[in-house]
Protein backbone atom coordinates (compact mmCIF):
# COMPACT_ATOMS: atom_id res chain seq x y z
CA MET A 1 8.89 -19.85 -9.89
CA ILE A 2 6.95 -17.84 -7.34
CA GLU A 3 4.25 -15.75 -8.94
CA ILE A 4 4.77 -12.14 -7.84
CA GLN A 5 1.63 -10.12 -7.17
CA GLY A 6 2.35 -6.74 -5.66
CA ASP A 7 -0.94 -6.47 -3.80
CA SER A 8 -1.20 -10.05 -2.53
CA CYS A 9 -0.14 -9.22 1.05
CA HIS A 10 -2.69 -6.42 1.41
CA LYS A 11 -5.44 -8.56 -0.10
CA TRP A 12 -4.60 -11.39 2.30
CA LEU A 13 -4.66 -9.02 5.27
CA THR A 14 -7.97 -7.52 4.14
CA GLU A 15 -9.52 -10.99 4.16
CA LYS A 16 -7.86 -11.91 7.46
CA ILE A 17 -8.63 -8.78 9.51
CA LYS A 18 -11.98 -8.46 11.23
CA PRO A 19 -12.60 -4.81 12.16
CA TYR A 20 -13.11 -4.47 15.90
CA PHE A 21 -16.40 -2.55 15.66
CA LEU A 22 -18.18 -4.67 13.07
CA PHE A 23 -21.84 -4.44 14.06
CA ASP A 24 -22.90 -7.28 16.32
CA GLU A 25 -26.58 -7.54 17.25
CA THR A 26 -25.72 -9.55 20.37
CA LYS A 27 -23.71 -6.72 22.00
CA ASP A 28 -24.99 -3.71 23.94
CA TYR A 29 -25.93 -1.20 21.27
CA THR A 30 -25.60 1.99 23.33
CA THR A 31 -22.06 1.15 24.41
CA TYR A 32 -21.16 0.14 20.86
CA LYS A 33 -22.39 3.44 19.44
CA GLU A 34 -20.56 5.54 22.03
CA GLN A 35 -17.28 3.70 21.55
CA LEU A 36 -17.50 3.80 17.77
CA ARG A 37 -18.17 7.53 17.78
CA GLU A 38 -15.12 8.12 19.96
CA LYS A 39 -12.92 6.04 17.64
CA TYR A 40 -14.35 7.75 14.53
CA ILE A 41 -13.53 11.21 15.88
CA GLU A 42 -10.05 10.05 16.88
CA LEU A 43 -9.18 8.58 13.47
CA LEU A 44 -10.47 11.63 11.58
CA GLY A 45 -7.96 13.71 13.53
CA MET A 46 -10.69 15.96 14.90
CA LYS A 47 -8.84 16.70 18.14
CA ASN A 48 -5.91 18.20 16.23
CA ILE A 49 -8.31 20.21 14.10
CA GLU A 50 -10.10 21.49 17.20
CA LYS A 51 -6.79 22.79 18.55
CA ASN A 52 -6.68 25.22 15.63
CA ALA A 53 -10.24 26.51 16.13
CA CYS A 54 -10.99 30.22 15.79
CA PRO A 55 -13.96 32.62 15.58
CA LEU A 56 -15.89 32.14 12.34
CA ASN A 57 -15.13 35.64 10.97
CA VAL A 58 -17.92 35.70 8.37
CA GLN A 59 -17.59 38.13 5.48
CA ILE A 60 -20.35 38.65 2.91
CA GLU A 61 -18.73 39.33 -0.45
CA SER A 62 -21.73 39.78 -2.75
CA GLU A 63 -25.52 39.65 -3.03
CA GLU A 64 -27.21 39.15 -6.38
CA GLN A 65 -30.85 38.88 -7.35
CA LYS A 66 -31.41 35.94 -9.69
CA ASP A 67 -34.51 34.53 -11.35
CA GLY A 68 -36.56 33.33 -8.39
CA TYR A 69 -33.90 33.54 -5.69
CA LYS A 70 -31.27 35.70 -4.04
CA GLN A 71 -27.66 34.52 -4.23
CA ILE A 72 -25.28 35.49 -1.43
CA ARG A 73 -21.59 34.71 -1.54
CA PHE A 74 -19.79 34.67 1.80
CA VAL A 75 -16.48 33.43 3.16
CA PHE A 76 -15.81 32.32 6.72
CA GLU A 77 -12.79 31.08 8.63
CA SER A 78 -13.48 27.57 9.88
CA GLU A 79 -10.12 27.28 11.65
CA LYS A 80 -7.06 29.53 11.67
CA ASN A 81 -6.10 30.24 8.05
CA ALA A 82 -8.77 27.95 6.59
CA PHE A 83 -11.14 30.16 4.60
CA VAL A 84 -14.31 28.57 3.26
CA PRO A 85 -16.16 30.16 0.32
CA CYS A 86 -19.89 29.48 0.25
CA TYR A 87 -22.99 30.40 -1.73
CA LEU A 88 -26.37 30.75 -0.06
CA LEU A 89 -29.37 30.68 -2.41
CA ILE A 90 -32.64 31.90 -0.87
CA PRO A 91 -36.00 31.40 -2.63
CA ASP A 92 -38.10 34.48 -3.43
CA THR A 93 -41.34 32.92 -2.25
CA GLY A 94 -41.58 35.14 0.82
CA LYS A 95 -41.51 32.64 3.67
CA GLU A 96 -40.20 33.65 7.07
CA LYS A 97 -37.94 30.59 7.22
CA TYR A 98 -36.88 27.80 4.88
CA PRO A 99 -35.33 24.38 5.40
CA VAL A 100 -31.69 24.24 4.31
CA ALA A 101 -30.16 21.85 1.78
CA ILE A 102 -26.36 21.63 1.99
CA THR A 103 -25.08 20.69 -1.47
CA LEU A 104 -21.57 19.34 -2.04
CA GLN A 105 -19.70 18.87 -5.31
CA GLY A 106 -17.29 15.98 -5.66
CA HIS A 107 -14.23 15.91 -7.90
CA SER A 108 -15.39 18.57 -10.29
CA THR A 109 -13.61 21.85 -11.06
CA GLY A 110 -15.36 23.44 -8.09
CA PHE A 111 -18.57 24.53 -6.43
CA HIS A 112 -19.23 27.19 -9.07
CA ASN A 113 -20.89 24.32 -10.94
CA SER A 114 -23.55 24.22 -8.23
CA ILE A 115 -24.68 27.75 -9.11
CA GLY A 116 -24.54 27.20 -12.86
CA VAL A 117 -21.30 29.08 -13.57
CA ILE A 118 -19.03 27.74 -16.32
CA LYS A 119 -15.37 28.55 -15.68
CA PHE A 120 -13.65 25.77 -17.60
CA GLU A 121 -14.33 23.88 -20.80
CA GLN A 122 -15.19 20.65 -19.02
CA ASP A 123 -17.88 22.43 -16.98
CA GLU A 124 -20.12 22.62 -20.05
CA ALA A 125 -20.67 18.86 -20.07
CA TYR A 126 -21.70 19.05 -16.39
CA GLN A 127 -24.46 21.61 -16.88
CA PRO A 128 -27.28 21.75 -15.95
CA ARG A 129 -26.95 18.37 -14.20
CA GLY A 130 -24.28 19.71 -11.85
CA GLN A 131 -26.30 22.71 -10.65
CA PHE A 132 -26.93 21.19 -7.23
CA ALA A 133 -27.67 24.47 -5.43
CA ILE A 134 -29.99 25.79 -8.13
CA GLN A 135 -31.83 22.47 -8.14
CA ALA A 136 -32.27 22.74 -4.36
CA VAL A 137 -33.62 26.28 -4.42
CA LYS A 138 -36.09 25.31 -7.17
CA GLN A 139 -37.37 22.61 -4.81
CA GLY A 140 -38.11 25.25 -2.18
CA PHE A 141 -35.01 24.87 0.00
CA ILE A 142 -32.38 27.39 0.92
CA ALA A 143 -29.26 25.98 -0.72
CA LEU A 144 -25.88 26.18 0.96
CA ALA A 145 -23.04 25.31 -1.43
CA ILE A 146 -19.63 24.80 0.21
CA GLU A 147 -16.27 24.56 -1.56
CA GLN A 148 -14.55 21.48 -0.16
CA ARG A 149 -10.90 21.53 0.85
CA GLY A 150 -8.49 20.78 -1.95
CA MET A 151 -11.09 21.44 -4.65
CA GLY A 152 -11.98 24.37 -6.88
CA GLU A 153 -11.05 27.68 -5.27
CA ARG A 154 -9.45 25.78 -2.40
CA ARG A 155 -7.03 23.79 -4.57
CA PRO A 156 -3.38 23.89 -3.48
CA SER A 157 -1.71 27.12 -4.59
CA GLY A 158 0.13 26.90 -7.88
CA ARG A 159 -1.09 23.41 -8.72
CA ASN A 160 -2.91 22.46 -11.87
CA LEU A 161 -6.69 22.79 -11.55
CA GLN A 162 -7.16 20.35 -14.40
CA SER A 163 -5.64 17.51 -12.39
CA ALA A 164 -8.11 14.65 -11.93
CA ASN A 165 -7.22 14.34 -8.24
CA MET A 166 -6.31 17.90 -7.34
CA CYS A 167 -6.95 17.35 -3.61
CA GLU A 168 -4.38 14.55 -3.20
CA TYR A 169 -1.60 16.92 -2.18
CA GLU A 170 -3.74 18.43 0.58
CA ALA A 171 -4.84 14.97 1.69
CA HIS A 172 -1.22 13.87 2.06
CA ILE A 173 -0.15 16.97 3.98
CA ALA A 174 -3.10 16.54 6.36
CA LEU A 175 -1.86 13.03 7.16
CA MET A 176 1.60 14.37 7.92
CA LEU A 177 0.02 16.81 10.39
CA GLY A 178 -1.95 14.15 12.27
CA ARG A 179 -5.21 15.00 10.52
CA THR A 180 -7.26 13.76 7.60
CA ILE A 181 -8.71 15.84 4.81
CA LEU A 182 -11.99 14.03 5.49
CA GLY A 183 -11.90 15.33 9.06
CA GLU A 184 -11.12 18.84 7.83
CA ARG A 185 -14.06 18.72 5.43
CA VAL A 186 -16.35 17.41 8.16
CA TRP A 187 -15.20 20.30 10.36
CA ASP A 188 -15.92 22.82 7.59
CA VAL A 189 -19.45 21.51 7.08
CA SER A 190 -20.17 21.66 10.81
CA LYS A 191 -18.82 25.20 11.08
CA ALA A 192 -20.85 26.23 8.00
CA ILE A 193 -23.95 25.07 9.88
CA ASP A 194 -22.87 27.37 12.73
CA VAL A 195 -22.73 30.24 10.23
CA LEU A 196 -26.38 29.70 9.27
CA ALA A 197 -27.35 31.42 12.53
CA ASN A 198 -26.24 34.67 10.83
CA PHE A 199 -29.12 34.28 8.39
CA PRO A 200 -32.45 34.22 10.29
CA VAL A 201 -34.30 33.01 7.18
CA CYS A 202 -32.53 29.63 7.56
CA ASP A 203 -34.48 27.12 9.63
CA THR A 204 -31.59 25.44 11.42
CA GLU A 205 -33.93 22.79 12.82
CA LYS A 206 -34.47 21.55 9.25
CA ILE A 207 -31.13 20.75 7.63
CA LEU A 208 -30.43 18.13 4.99
CA ILE A 209 -27.25 17.35 3.10
CA THR A 210 -26.58 15.77 -0.27
CA GLY A 211 -23.85 15.45 -2.88
CA ASN A 212 -22.39 13.11 -5.44
CA SER A 213 -19.21 11.04 -5.36
CA GLY A 214 -16.78 13.02 -3.14
CA GLY A 215 -19.76 15.16 -2.20
CA GLY A 216 -21.69 12.02 -1.29
CA THR A 217 -18.77 10.79 0.79
CA MET A 218 -18.78 14.00 2.77
CA THR A 219 -22.57 13.86 3.04
CA TYR A 220 -22.20 10.56 4.86
CA TYR A 221 -19.23 11.42 7.08
CA ALA A 222 -20.50 14.90 8.04
CA SER A 223 -23.84 13.38 9.03
CA CYS A 224 -21.98 10.91 11.25
CA TYR A 225 -20.39 13.86 13.07
CA ASP A 226 -23.05 16.61 13.24
CA GLU A 227 -26.44 15.62 14.62
CA ARG A 228 -28.04 18.85 13.42
CA ILE A 229 -28.25 17.23 9.98
CA LYS A 230 -31.67 15.58 9.95
CA LEU A 231 -31.52 13.93 6.51
CA ALA A 232 -28.48 12.56 4.67
CA VAL A 233 -28.73 11.65 0.98
CA PRO A 234 -25.30 10.49 -0.25
CA SER A 235 -25.13 9.69 -3.97
CA CYS A 236 -22.57 7.33 -5.52
CA ALA A 237 -20.40 7.17 -2.41
CA PHE A 238 -21.62 4.48 0.01
CA CYS A 239 -20.07 1.02 -0.28
CA THR A 240 -18.14 -1.41 1.85
CA TYR A 241 -14.50 -0.38 2.13
CA LYS A 242 -13.51 -3.92 1.17
CA ASP A 243 -15.32 -3.78 -2.17
CA SER A 244 -14.53 -0.19 -3.09
CA ILE A 245 -11.68 1.94 -1.76
CA MET A 246 -9.67 -1.14 -0.73
CA ASP A 247 -10.19 -2.92 -4.04
CA LEU A 248 -10.31 -0.14 -6.65
CA PHE A 249 -8.25 2.99 -7.23
CA HIS A 250 -9.64 6.06 -5.44
CA CYS A 251 -8.36 9.53 -4.63
CA SER A 252 -6.41 9.80 -1.37
CA CYS A 253 -9.19 11.94 0.10
CA ASN A 254 -11.28 8.78 0.62
CA PHE A 255 -8.98 7.20 3.20
CA ILE A 256 -8.94 7.22 7.00
CA PRO A 257 -5.72 5.77 8.52
CA HIS A 258 -6.31 2.60 10.56
CA ALA A 259 -10.04 2.63 9.75
CA TYR A 260 -10.28 -1.00 8.64
CA GLU A 261 -8.78 -2.16 11.91
CA TRP A 262 -11.84 -0.69 13.63
CA PHE A 263 -14.89 -0.42 11.37
CA GLU A 264 -16.44 -0.79 7.95
CA MET A 265 -18.21 2.13 6.28
CA GLN A 266 -21.67 0.71 7.00
CA ASP A 267 -20.95 0.39 10.73
CA LEU A 268 -20.70 4.18 10.93
CA SER A 269 -24.38 4.47 10.02
CA CYS A 270 -25.09 4.03 13.74
CA LEU A 271 -23.73 7.57 14.14
CA ILE A 272 -26.49 8.81 11.79
CA ALA A 273 -29.32 6.60 13.07
CA PRO A 274 -32.08 7.16 13.96
CA ARG A 275 -31.94 10.27 11.76
CA ARG A 276 -32.96 9.72 8.15
CA LEU A 277 -30.52 8.19 5.67
CA ALA A 278 -31.38 7.65 1.99
CA ILE A 279 -28.53 6.09 0.02
CA ILE A 280 -28.48 6.62 -3.75
CA ALA A 281 -26.40 4.12 -5.75
CA GLY A 282 -25.86 3.48 -9.44
CA GLU A 283 -26.51 -0.08 -10.55
CA SER A 284 -23.49 0.06 -12.85
CA ASP A 285 -21.20 2.32 -10.78
CA PRO A 286 -17.66 1.09 -11.58
CA ILE A 287 -15.99 2.47 -8.43
CA PHE A 288 -18.73 1.88 -5.83
CA PRO A 289 -19.94 -1.54 -7.02
CA ILE A 290 -23.59 -2.24 -6.39
CA PHE A 291 -22.87 -5.63 -4.78
CA GLY A 292 -20.75 -3.84 -2.16
CA VAL A 293 -23.46 -1.24 -1.67
CA GLU A 294 -26.07 -3.93 -1.11
CA GLU A 295 -23.81 -5.87 1.25
CA GLY A 296 -23.11 -2.78 3.33
CA TYR A 297 -26.76 -1.79 3.37
CA LYS A 298 -27.68 -5.06 5.10
CA THR A 299 -25.81 -3.77 8.16
CA VAL A 300 -27.47 -0.35 7.86
CA GLU A 301 -30.85 -2.07 8.05
CA LYS A 302 -29.80 -4.01 11.16
CA ILE A 303 -28.56 -0.83 12.83
CA TYR A 304 -31.74 1.09 12.12
CA LYS A 305 -33.73 -1.86 13.43
CA ALA A 306 -31.69 -1.67 16.64
CA GLU A 307 -32.69 2.01 16.82
CA ASN A 308 -36.37 1.09 16.29
CA ALA A 309 -36.22 3.31 13.21
CA SER A 310 -36.31 0.86 10.28
CA GLU A 311 -38.50 3.25 8.30
CA ASN A 312 -35.79 5.93 8.42
CA CYS A 313 -33.29 4.27 6.06
CA ARG A 314 -33.59 3.56 2.35
CA LEU A 315 -31.48 2.33 -0.54
CA ILE A 316 -32.45 3.74 -3.93
CA LYS A 317 -30.76 2.25 -6.99
CA THR A 318 -30.50 4.23 -10.22
CA PRO A 319 -30.16 2.74 -13.72
CA LYS A 320 -26.95 4.76 -14.22
CA GLY A 321 -23.32 4.35 -13.18
CA HIS A 322 -21.31 6.92 -11.23
CA TRP A 323 -23.84 9.61 -12.03
CA TRP A 324 -25.83 12.35 -10.25
CA CYS A 325 -29.43 11.50 -11.19
CA GLU A 326 -31.04 14.78 -10.20
CA ASP A 327 -34.66 13.68 -10.63
CA ILE A 328 -34.19 10.60 -8.45
CA VAL A 329 -32.20 12.52 -5.83
CA TRP A 330 -34.68 15.38 -5.45
CA ASN A 331 -37.74 13.13 -5.59
CA THR A 332 -36.19 11.11 -2.77
CA ILE A 333 -35.46 14.26 -0.78
CA LYS A 334 -39.00 15.58 -1.21
CA GLU A 335 -40.42 12.23 -0.08
CA GLU A 336 -38.19 12.14 3.00
CA THR A 337 -38.75 15.75 4.00
CA ALA A 338 -42.50 15.24 3.63
CA LYS A 339 -42.24 12.44 6.18
CA LEU A 340 -40.41 14.88 8.44
CA GLY A 341 -43.25 17.37 8.05
CA TRP A 342 -41.09 20.07 6.49
C-alpha cells in the first residue's frame, strides 16, 4: 500500500527548489540588489496598485488632548476607494519636531488597541501591552498608528470581526486582481509617510517602524520598499519561509505568489541594508520557530557585511513565544535611535 500524504509533493518541491536570488557572496552585490528589488516589486503587484493611484485627500476627523499628548485622527485615500484611518499622537513636550514611530497591529481586532481603546471583550486581555502608539509617544516619539487592510475598521463589509483571520477574504480578492494584500499594505504605509508632510511637527528624516506578528511582517516588507524608513524593528515575524509560512499554517496575508521561486525572506534584507534592522524573535514562538529565525539571520549578517554595515543589524531574542515584549522592543528602539543621533 502506498502511504498517502497530502502535502508530500509540496514538501518535496520545497526541498528541491533553490530560489533564484538566494544570496551569494561571490556574485556582484549591486546587480543582485537591483534585480531583487525589481522582482520584489513585481511579485507584490505594485505596478497594478500604482495604476489606481490618486491624490491623498487627507481629512482630519478629530483632535483630542490626552494626558501628555495630543491625539489626531485622520483618514486619507491611498488609492482610489482605499481609505486609510490613522491616529497621530504628538507629545506635549514642546519640541519643534519629533521623530516618528509608525506602529502596526497584527491580527488583533484593530488599531484602536494601539491607542488604548477597548471595543471588544478580547481587547481587555491585550491592554496595556497592545497600546503600541501610546508606548511610542511615552518614549518621546510621534506615533503614527495605521489600520491595515482587511483588519479592524477595514475588515470586509458584512463579515464577522471576530474571525481569527478576518483579512483572508481581502487577501484572496487581491490575488484575483493581480495584486497582493501585502503589496497593498506596503503601499498604504508609504502613502501614510507622504501624509506626514501635512504635519510640520513630524521630522520626516527620522522615521522608524515597528509592529508585532502581522504588524512585524509589514514592518519588514514596508522597510524593503520605502527607504525613508531609517529603522525597522519587526517583532515575531521574521523567519525563513521554509521553516514558517511554508511549514506551518498562516493567514493568507503572509503569502507572495511565486516568491519561493525567487527569494527567501532573509534575502530581502538587502533592500533594507544598510539602514538599521533590529529583529525581535520569541525563543518559543510556535509559528516563527527560533531555529528558522537564526538560520535566516545568518544571511542578514552576510548581507550587512557586504554593505559594510555589520553594526546596523541585530537579532534580539525574547524569553517569550509569539508575544509583543514592550520593554524589550522599546529598549531596543531607544538604543538604535541613540546610535542614529535622534
